[in-house]
Amino acid sequence: MLTIWRKQQARKRALKTRLAAHKADPQAGERLAARFPDALWPPLHSVVAGYRPVRGEIDPGPLMETFWCEQARLALPCVDGPDQPLTFRAWAPGDELETGAYGIETPGAGAQTLTPALILVPLLAFDHEGRRLGYGGGYYDRTLASLRAQGPVTAVGLAYAAQRMKRVPCAGHDMRLDWIVTEEGALKAGS
């Protein structure tokens, strides 16, 4: 119970921090794209899952467009139901999107379902160990657990540098990120 309460309190503070960072620097996604580590660059034609930013999330658009130009296949997450992992549907810059669960833009139901090798993960807060604070629905935790059970997948949290916490409260089911990239640089989890 204490962990749940600590997460709720941390979410309130983290959302305010993220909104302030976004207001101060709404174009930070462009600098983030320039700081994405070469070691994580996807091979030709591999699948990269990104997201459409909401509620002040840092914009992955410039990074995703760069991946697209470098011949990666792109996908966006879709919520298929409560307590289900996310699915990822094919998307390319300029494709029409529809409003899905939680008001998030997603590709239409007819778009091809893809399995990503690299997932760009939105977040409210992160720490140096790769712990991530999300909205509390567990979608990315379930998704990463499911994908990692099938094979290798790299999870990269995208955030403003201001979103870093000393320690993110976590529970046993919380999946850690492999890397975090901000407008100021990249951090390999645990290093």
Protein backbone atom coordinates (compact mmCIF):
# COMPACT_ATOMS: atom_id res chain seq x y z
CA MET A 1 0.00 0.00 0.00
CA LEU A 2 2.82 2.40 0.83
CA THR A 3 4.32 1.98 -2.66
CA ILE A 4 0.97 2.83 -4.28
CA TRP A 5 0.63 5.98 -2.16
CA ARG A 6 4.24 6.99 -2.89
CA LYS A 7 3.68 6.51 -6.62
CA GLN A 8 0.50 8.60 -6.55
CA GLN A 9 2.30 11.45 -4.79
CA ALA A 10 5.29 11.17 -7.13
CA ARG A 11 2.98 11.25 -10.18
CA LYS A 12 1.41 14.53 -9.08
CA ARG A 13 4.81 16.18 -8.63
CA ALA A 14 6.26 14.64 -11.79
CA LEU A 15 3.37 15.81 -13.97
CA LYS A 16 3.85 19.38 -12.76
CA THR A 17 7.59 19.13 -13.41
CA ARG A 18 7.06 17.77 -16.91
CA LEU A 19 4.46 20.40 -17.81
CA ALA A 20 6.82 23.15 -16.63
CA ALA A 21 9.70 21.67 -18.66
CA HIS A 22 7.49 21.44 -21.75
CA LYS A 23 6.28 25.01 -21.36
CA ALA A 24 9.86 26.26 -20.98
CA ASP A 25 11.18 24.27 -23.95
CA PRO A 26 8.48 22.86 -26.28
CA GLN A 27 11.08 22.16 -29.02
CA ALA A 28 13.32 19.98 -26.82
CA GLY A 29 12.48 16.93 -28.97
CA GLU A 30 14.74 18.26 -31.71
CA ARG A 31 17.75 18.37 -29.37
CA LEU A 32 16.83 14.97 -27.98
CA ALA A 33 16.97 13.53 -31.51
CA ALA A 34 20.50 14.89 -31.93
CA ARG A 35 21.59 13.21 -28.69
CA PHE A 36 20.21 9.75 -29.44
CA PRO A 37 23.16 7.31 -29.01
CA ASP A 38 24.66 5.69 -32.08
CA ALA A 39 24.77 2.40 -30.13
CA LEU A 40 20.96 2.35 -30.15
CA TRP A 41 20.46 3.31 -33.78
CA PRO A 42 18.11 0.77 -35.38
CA PRO A 43 19.33 -1.37 -38.29
CA LEU A 44 17.73 -0.91 -41.70
CA HIS A 45 14.08 -1.97 -41.85
CA SER A 46 13.84 -2.77 -38.13
CA VAL A 47 10.66 -1.75 -36.29
CA VAL A 48 10.74 1.23 -33.94
CA ALA A 49 7.69 1.95 -31.79
CA GLY A 50 7.25 5.56 -30.79
CA TYR A 51 4.32 7.52 -29.44
CA ARG A 52 2.29 10.66 -30.06
CA PRO A 53 2.95 13.15 -27.24
CA VAL A 54 0.18 14.13 -24.81
CA ARG A 55 0.10 16.17 -21.59
CA GLY A 56 3.53 17.73 -22.06
CA GLU A 57 5.45 14.58 -23.01
CA ILE A 58 8.65 15.32 -24.89
CA ASP A 59 8.02 15.08 -28.63
CA PRO A 60 9.61 12.01 -30.26
CA GLY A 61 8.54 13.27 -33.72
CA PRO A 62 11.94 14.61 -34.86
CA LEU A 63 13.65 11.36 -33.81
CA MET A 64 11.01 9.19 -35.46
CA GLU A 65 11.22 11.16 -38.70
CA THR A 66 14.99 10.66 -38.69
CA PHE A 67 14.52 6.92 -38.21
CA TRP A 68 12.00 6.92 -41.07
CA CYS A 69 14.48 8.66 -43.37
CA GLU A 70 17.06 6.03 -42.39
CA GLN A 71 14.73 3.20 -43.50
CA ALA A 72 13.30 2.08 -40.15
CA ARG A 73 9.69 0.91 -40.00
CA LEU A 74 7.65 2.91 -37.51
CA ALA A 75 4.76 1.92 -35.29
CA LEU A 76 2.56 3.59 -32.69
CA PRO A 77 1.00 1.99 -29.59
CA CYS A 78 -2.65 1.05 -29.36
CA VAL A 79 -4.64 0.15 -26.25
CA ASP A 80 -6.73 -2.92 -27.01
CA GLY A 81 -8.30 -3.20 -23.56
CA PRO A 82 -7.70 -2.85 -19.84
CA ASP A 83 -5.05 -5.15 -18.39
CA GLN A 84 -3.78 -5.99 -21.89
CA PRO A 85 -0.32 -5.29 -23.32
CA LEU A 86 -0.14 -2.61 -25.97
CA THR A 87 -0.11 -3.58 -29.62
CA PHE A 88 1.83 -1.58 -32.20
CA ARG A 89 0.43 -0.62 -35.58
CA ALA A 90 2.42 0.52 -38.59
CA TRP A 91 2.66 4.28 -39.07
CA ALA A 92 4.61 6.66 -41.28
CA PRO A 93 4.91 10.45 -41.11
CA GLY A 94 1.87 11.94 -42.82
CA ASP A 95 -0.41 8.93 -42.21
CA GLU A 96 -3.87 9.76 -40.94
CA LEU A 97 -4.50 8.93 -37.30
CA GLU A 98 -7.64 8.42 -35.24
CA THR A 99 -8.30 9.16 -31.59
CA GLY A 100 -7.93 6.04 -29.48
CA ALA A 101 -8.15 5.24 -25.77
CA TYR A 102 -7.23 8.07 -23.39
CA GLY A 103 -7.44 10.54 -26.29
CA ILE A 104 -4.18 9.24 -27.80
CA GLU A 105 -3.73 9.34 -31.57
CA THR A 106 -3.30 5.89 -33.10
CA PRO A 107 -3.22 4.31 -36.56
CA GLY A 108 -6.53 2.88 -37.72
CA ALA A 109 -7.58 -0.71 -37.06
CA GLY A 110 -6.61 -1.64 -40.62
CA ALA A 111 -2.94 -0.77 -40.10
CA GLN A 112 -0.52 -3.70 -39.93
CA THR A 113 0.43 -4.93 -36.44
CA LEU A 114 4.21 -4.93 -35.93
CA THR A 115 6.58 -6.22 -33.25
CA PRO A 116 9.17 -3.60 -32.33
CA ALA A 117 12.84 -4.20 -31.60
CA LEU A 118 13.17 -0.68 -30.16
CA ILE A 119 10.46 1.03 -28.10
CA LEU A 120 10.51 4.74 -27.31
CA VAL A 121 8.69 5.03 -24.00
CA PRO A 122 7.00 8.16 -22.60
CA LEU A 123 7.18 8.73 -18.85
CA LEU A 124 6.49 11.04 -15.93
CA ALA A 125 9.80 10.47 -14.14
CA PHE A 126 12.92 8.29 -14.29
CA ASP A 127 16.00 7.50 -12.26
CA HIS A 128 19.54 6.37 -13.06
CA GLU A 129 18.64 2.69 -12.56
CA GLY A 130 16.11 2.79 -15.41
CA ARG A 131 13.07 2.84 -13.18
CA ARG A 132 10.17 4.66 -14.81
CA LEU A 133 7.11 6.31 -13.39
CA GLY A 134 4.15 6.17 -15.76
CA TYR A 135 0.48 7.06 -15.41
CA GLY A 136 -0.34 3.95 -13.39
CA GLY A 137 -2.17 1.80 -15.94
CA GLY A 138 0.69 -0.69 -16.29
CA TYR A 139 0.46 -0.78 -20.08
CA TYR A 140 4.17 -0.42 -20.77
CA ASP A 141 5.07 -2.81 -17.93
CA ARG A 142 2.81 -5.53 -19.37
CA THR A 143 4.02 -4.79 -22.89
CA LEU A 144 7.72 -4.92 -22.06
CA ALA A 145 7.27 -8.11 -20.02
CA SER A 146 5.44 -9.76 -22.91
CA LEU A 147 7.92 -8.64 -25.57
CA ARG A 148 10.98 -9.54 -23.49
CA ALA A 149 9.55 -13.03 -22.97
CA GLN A 150 9.51 -13.42 -26.79
CA GLY A 151 13.00 -12.09 -27.50
CA PRO A 152 15.26 -9.07 -27.28
CA VAL A 153 13.71 -5.61 -27.23
CA THR A 154 15.31 -2.33 -26.18
CA ALA A 155 13.22 0.11 -24.14
CA VAL A 156 14.37 3.74 -24.28
CA GLY A 157 12.62 6.28 -22.10
CA LEU A 158 12.33 9.74 -23.63
CA ALA A 159 12.08 12.64 -21.20
CA TYR A 160 13.10 16.14 -20.26
CA ALA A 161 16.22 16.17 -18.08
CA ALA A 162 14.12 17.86 -15.39
CA GLN A 163 12.08 14.65 -15.03
CA ARG A 164 14.95 12.78 -13.37
CA MET A 165 14.29 11.76 -9.75
CA LYS A 166 16.77 10.44 -7.21
CA ARG A 167 14.74 7.21 -6.90
CA VAL A 168 11.47 6.30 -8.56
CA PRO A 169 9.19 4.26 -6.28
CA CYS A 170 8.66 0.83 -7.79
CA ALA A 171 6.98 -2.52 -7.26
CA GLY A 172 7.95 -6.01 -8.36
CA HIS A 173 5.99 -5.88 -11.64
CA ASP A 174 7.60 -2.61 -12.83
CA MET A 175 9.80 -3.12 -15.89
CA ARG A 176 13.00 -1.12 -16.14
CA LEU A 177 14.15 0.85 -19.13
CA ASP A 178 17.45 0.03 -20.85
CA TRP A 179 18.28 3.67 -21.61
CA ILE A 180 16.90 7.15 -21.02
CA VAL A 181 17.49 9.95 -23.53
CA THR A 182 16.79 13.60 -22.76
CA GLU A 183 17.46 16.89 -24.52
CA GLU A 184 20.72 16.99 -22.54
CA GLY A 185 22.08 13.53 -23.28
CA ALA A 186 21.72 9.77 -22.87
CA LEU A 187 21.97 7.53 -19.82
CA LYS A 188 22.41 3.78 -19.91
CA ALA A 189 20.37 2.38 -17.03
CA GLY A 190 22.49 1.38 -14.07
CA SER A 191 25.65 3.09 -15.22
